[in-house]
Amino acid sequence: MICGAKPERNKEIITRVLEGETLQTVGDAHELTKERVRQIVYQTMHRMFKDNNYAGASTLREIKAIKLSAWRASKNFIINRL
């Protein structure tokens, strides 16, 4: 599900962010800026939810607002879809 040049790195980034680590902490671990981490998270979530009619969300914050309660209940499901 994760596209890009470094899918394993991106999977780890998404997992760590979903587990509650800050963008800065994750970025420091991968030598990325927190803005780049945010972009990776947004792009991946956008791809994941595109097939589920969430493509209309224009920011990660909107995607989170749409599915926040479901994410809390099914974090493992989301991580496994990566």
Protein backbone atom coordinates (compact mmCIF):
# COMPACT_ATOMS: atom_id res chain seq x y z
CA MET A 1 0.00 0.00 0.00
CA ILE A 2 2.87 2.37 0.64
CA CYS A 3 4.38 3.76 -2.52
CA GLY A 4 7.57 5.67 -2.93
CA ALA A 5 11.28 5.09 -3.03
CA LYS A 6 11.52 3.90 0.59
CA PRO A 7 8.35 1.99 1.53
CA GLU A 8 9.82 0.30 4.63
CA ARG A 9 10.99 3.64 6.02
CA ASN A 10 7.62 5.20 5.27
CA LYS A 11 5.81 2.32 6.98
CA GLU A 12 7.91 2.83 10.10
CA ILE A 13 7.24 6.58 9.99
CA ILE A 14 3.47 6.10 9.72
CA THR A 15 3.48 3.50 12.49
CA ARG A 16 5.43 5.72 14.86
CA VAL A 17 3.21 8.74 14.19
CA LEU A 18 0.04 6.68 14.73
CA GLU A 19 1.51 5.42 18.00
CA GLY A 20 1.77 9.02 19.19
CA GLU A 21 5.34 10.07 18.55
CA THR A 22 5.82 13.67 17.47
CA LEU A 23 6.73 14.58 13.91
CA GLN A 24 9.97 16.10 15.19
CA THR A 25 10.99 12.93 17.06
CA VAL A 26 10.25 10.71 14.06
CA GLY A 27 12.03 13.14 11.74
CA ASP A 28 15.12 13.24 13.92
CA ALA A 29 15.30 9.44 13.92
CA HIS A 30 15.22 9.37 10.11
CA GLU A 31 17.17 12.59 9.46
CA LEU A 32 14.08 14.26 8.00
CA THR A 33 12.39 17.55 8.78
CA LYS A 34 9.09 17.41 10.61
CA GLU A 35 7.50 18.93 7.47
CA ARG A 36 8.75 16.00 5.36
CA VAL A 37 7.39 13.54 7.94
CA ARG A 38 4.02 15.34 7.79
CA GLN A 39 4.06 15.07 3.98
CA ILE A 40 4.83 11.34 4.09
CA VAL A 41 2.01 10.76 6.58
CA TYR A 42 -0.46 12.84 4.55
CA GLN A 43 0.43 11.24 1.22
CA THR A 44 0.19 7.74 2.62
CA MET A 45 -3.11 8.35 4.42
CA HIS A 46 -4.50 10.05 1.34
CA ARG A 47 -3.65 6.98 -0.74
CA MET A 48 -5.09 4.62 1.88
CA PHE A 49 -8.40 6.43 2.17
CA LYS A 50 -8.74 7.38 -1.49
CA ASP A 51 -10.46 4.07 -2.17
CA ASN A 52 -12.78 4.68 0.79
CA ASN A 53 -14.14 8.04 -0.42
CA TYR A 54 -11.95 10.17 1.83
CA ALA A 55 -10.02 11.69 -1.06
CA GLY A 56 -11.99 14.92 -0.61
CA ALA A 57 -10.01 15.67 2.54
CA SER A 58 -7.34 18.19 1.66
CA THR A 59 -5.19 17.92 4.77
CA LEU A 60 -4.08 15.28 7.21
CA ARG A 61 -6.05 17.12 9.91
CA GLU A 62 -9.27 16.66 7.89
CA ILE A 63 -8.58 12.98 7.35
CA LYS A 64 -7.95 12.56 11.08
CA ALA A 65 -11.16 14.43 11.89
CA ILE A 66 -13.13 12.12 9.61
CA LYS A 67 -11.74 8.87 11.00
CA LEU A 68 -10.34 9.71 14.46
CA SER A 69 -12.62 7.42 16.46
CA ALA A 70 -12.13 4.57 13.99
CA TRP A 71 -8.37 5.00 14.11
CA ARG A 72 -8.36 4.71 17.87
CA ALA A 73 -10.42 1.53 17.69
CA SER A 74 -8.53 -0.04 14.80
CA LYS A 75 -4.93 1.17 14.91
CA ASN A 76 -3.63 -2.33 14.19
CA PHE A 77 -5.94 -2.64 11.19
CA ILE A 78 -4.54 0.58 9.70
CA ILE A 79 -0.95 -0.40 10.36
CA ASN A 80 -1.53 -3.79 8.72
CA ARG A 81 -2.95 -2.12 5.60
CA LEU A 82 0.34 -0.29 5.12
